[in-house]
Amino acid sequence: MLAKWKQYQDMDYIYLDCRGLKETEMITILEDAAEIMKPKSEQVFVLANVTGAVIAPEFMERFKALTAEVYKEKVARTAIVGVDGMKSVIIKTYNFIMGRDVHTFASEEEALAYLYSNR
């Protein structure tokens, strides 16, 4: 699985290591994440590192579909690292269209601190 459970202090979260991935690999990791969170009765926290990853239209369509099917119900908070340039616009648009509140950070440490403080 490309998505995996990790722990920060006493908080469990799903980690998506998307660094340098291409669009098809990005879609696979989104689907992996959805599968591991589906059985959970409580909402989960997600940290994704997208440094150097390719985010293209097909990926965004699948991301929106999985948000409606799984993420909207199962994800409490999402923090993303590695957002620059056009990715920033894509995240802002996603937040607006899907009614989500995905936050971006410069480092995984900052992202984890945010998730931990909002549990």
Protein backbone atom coordinates (compact mmCIF):
# COMPACT_ATOMS: atom_id res chain seq x y z
CA MET A 1 0.00 0.00 0.00
CA LEU A 2 1.18 3.47 -0.82
CA ALA A 3 -0.92 5.06 1.90
CA LYS A 4 0.03 4.00 5.41
CA TRP A 5 -0.84 4.56 9.03
CA LYS A 6 1.72 6.46 11.09
CA GLN A 7 1.74 7.93 14.57
CA TYR A 8 2.72 11.35 15.89
CA GLN A 9 2.80 11.52 19.67
CA ASP A 10 -0.55 9.89 20.55
CA MET A 11 -2.27 10.69 17.22
CA ASP A 12 -2.70 8.17 14.40
CA TYR A 13 -2.81 9.56 10.88
CA ILE A 14 -2.66 8.39 7.28
CA TYR A 15 0.52 9.38 5.48
CA LEU A 16 0.56 9.76 1.71
CA ASP A 17 4.10 9.92 0.34
CA CYS A 18 3.47 11.38 -3.11
CA ARG A 19 6.90 12.93 -3.60
CA GLY A 20 7.83 12.85 -7.27
CA LEU A 21 4.85 10.71 -8.32
CA LYS A 22 3.18 10.93 -11.72
CA GLU A 23 -0.60 11.22 -12.23
CA THR A 24 -1.44 7.49 -12.36
CA GLU A 25 0.60 6.83 -9.21
CA MET A 26 -1.13 9.76 -7.49
CA ILE A 27 -4.53 8.28 -8.32
CA THR A 28 -3.45 4.90 -6.94
CA ILE A 29 -2.36 6.43 -3.64
CA LEU A 30 -5.70 8.29 -3.34
CA GLU A 31 -7.55 5.03 -3.85
CA ASP A 32 -5.30 3.23 -1.32
CA ALA A 33 -6.05 5.93 1.25
CA ALA A 34 -9.79 5.62 0.67
CA GLU A 35 -9.61 1.85 1.16
CA ILE A 36 -7.75 2.00 4.47
CA MET A 37 -10.04 4.67 5.93
CA LYS A 38 -13.38 3.14 4.83
CA PRO A 39 -13.57 0.61 7.69
CA LYS A 40 -12.83 3.25 10.36
CA SER A 41 -15.84 4.37 12.39
CA GLU A 42 -14.18 7.62 13.46
CA GLN A 43 -12.76 10.36 11.27
CA VAL A 44 -9.05 10.28 10.43
CA PHE A 45 -6.24 12.78 9.93
CA VAL A 46 -4.27 12.86 6.68
CA LEU A 47 -0.80 14.19 5.88
CA ALA A 48 0.28 14.22 2.23
CA ASN A 49 3.67 15.23 0.87
CA VAL A 50 3.26 16.23 -2.80
CA THR A 51 6.71 17.72 -3.36
CA GLY A 52 7.57 17.29 -7.04
CA ALA A 53 4.36 15.38 -7.79
CA VAL A 54 2.34 15.87 -10.96
CA ILE A 55 -1.24 16.99 -10.36
CA ALA A 56 -3.22 16.83 -13.60
CA PRO A 57 -6.93 17.01 -14.53
CA GLU A 58 -7.61 13.25 -14.32
CA PHE A 59 -6.15 13.20 -10.81
CA MET A 60 -8.35 16.11 -9.71
CA GLU A 61 -11.47 14.43 -11.10
CA ARG A 62 -10.70 11.27 -9.14
CA PHE A 63 -9.87 13.32 -6.04
CA LYS A 64 -13.24 15.12 -6.23
CA ALA A 65 -15.07 11.80 -6.71
CA LEU A 66 -13.31 10.16 -3.74
CA THR A 67 -14.02 13.23 -1.63
CA ALA A 68 -17.73 12.86 -2.30
CA GLU A 69 -17.65 9.06 -1.83
CA VAL A 70 -15.29 8.68 1.15
CA TYR A 71 -13.13 11.61 2.26
CA LYS A 72 -15.90 14.06 3.13
CA GLU A 73 -17.26 11.64 5.73
CA LYS A 74 -14.02 10.00 6.89
CA VAL A 75 -11.40 12.80 6.96
CA ALA A 76 -11.31 15.17 9.93
CA ARG A 77 -8.36 17.29 8.75
CA THR A 78 -5.88 17.23 5.89
CA ALA A 79 -2.44 18.83 5.79
CA ILE A 80 -0.36 18.96 2.62
CA VAL A 81 3.35 19.65 2.21
CA GLY A 82 5.08 20.57 -1.04
CA VAL A 83 2.44 22.83 -2.54
CA ASP A 84 3.89 25.49 -4.80
CA GLY A 85 2.89 27.44 -7.89
CA MET A 86 -0.08 25.96 -9.69
CA LYS A 87 -0.67 23.35 -6.97
CA SER A 88 -1.58 26.20 -4.63
CA VAL A 89 -4.31 27.37 -7.01
CA ILE A 90 -5.56 23.79 -7.40
CA ILE A 91 -5.83 23.32 -3.60
CA LYS A 92 -7.68 26.63 -3.18
CA THR A 93 -10.09 25.68 -5.96
CA TYR A 94 -10.63 22.22 -4.47
CA ASN A 95 -11.37 23.76 -1.04
CA PHE A 96 -13.90 26.14 -2.59
CA ILE A 97 -15.67 23.63 -4.85
CA MET A 98 -15.74 20.73 -2.39
CA GLY A 99 -16.32 22.77 0.77
CA ARG A 100 -13.15 21.41 2.37
CA ASP A 101 -10.47 23.07 4.47
CA VAL A 102 -7.19 21.52 3.32
CA HIS A 103 -4.20 23.39 4.77
CA THR A 104 -0.74 23.63 3.20
CA PHE A 105 2.58 23.76 5.03
CA ALA A 106 6.28 24.19 4.29
CA SER A 107 7.31 21.11 6.30
CA GLU A 108 5.93 17.84 7.59
CA GLU A 109 6.73 18.98 11.15
CA GLU A 110 4.48 22.05 10.76
CA ALA A 111 1.75 19.93 9.18
CA LEU A 112 1.85 17.39 12.00
CA ALA A 113 1.73 20.14 14.62
CA TYR A 114 -1.39 21.54 12.91
CA LEU A 115 -3.09 18.13 12.77
CA TYR A 116 -2.18 17.37 16.38
CA SER A 117 -3.49 20.70 17.64
CA ASN A 118 -6.81 20.16 15.83
CA ARG A 119 -7.64 16.66 17.00
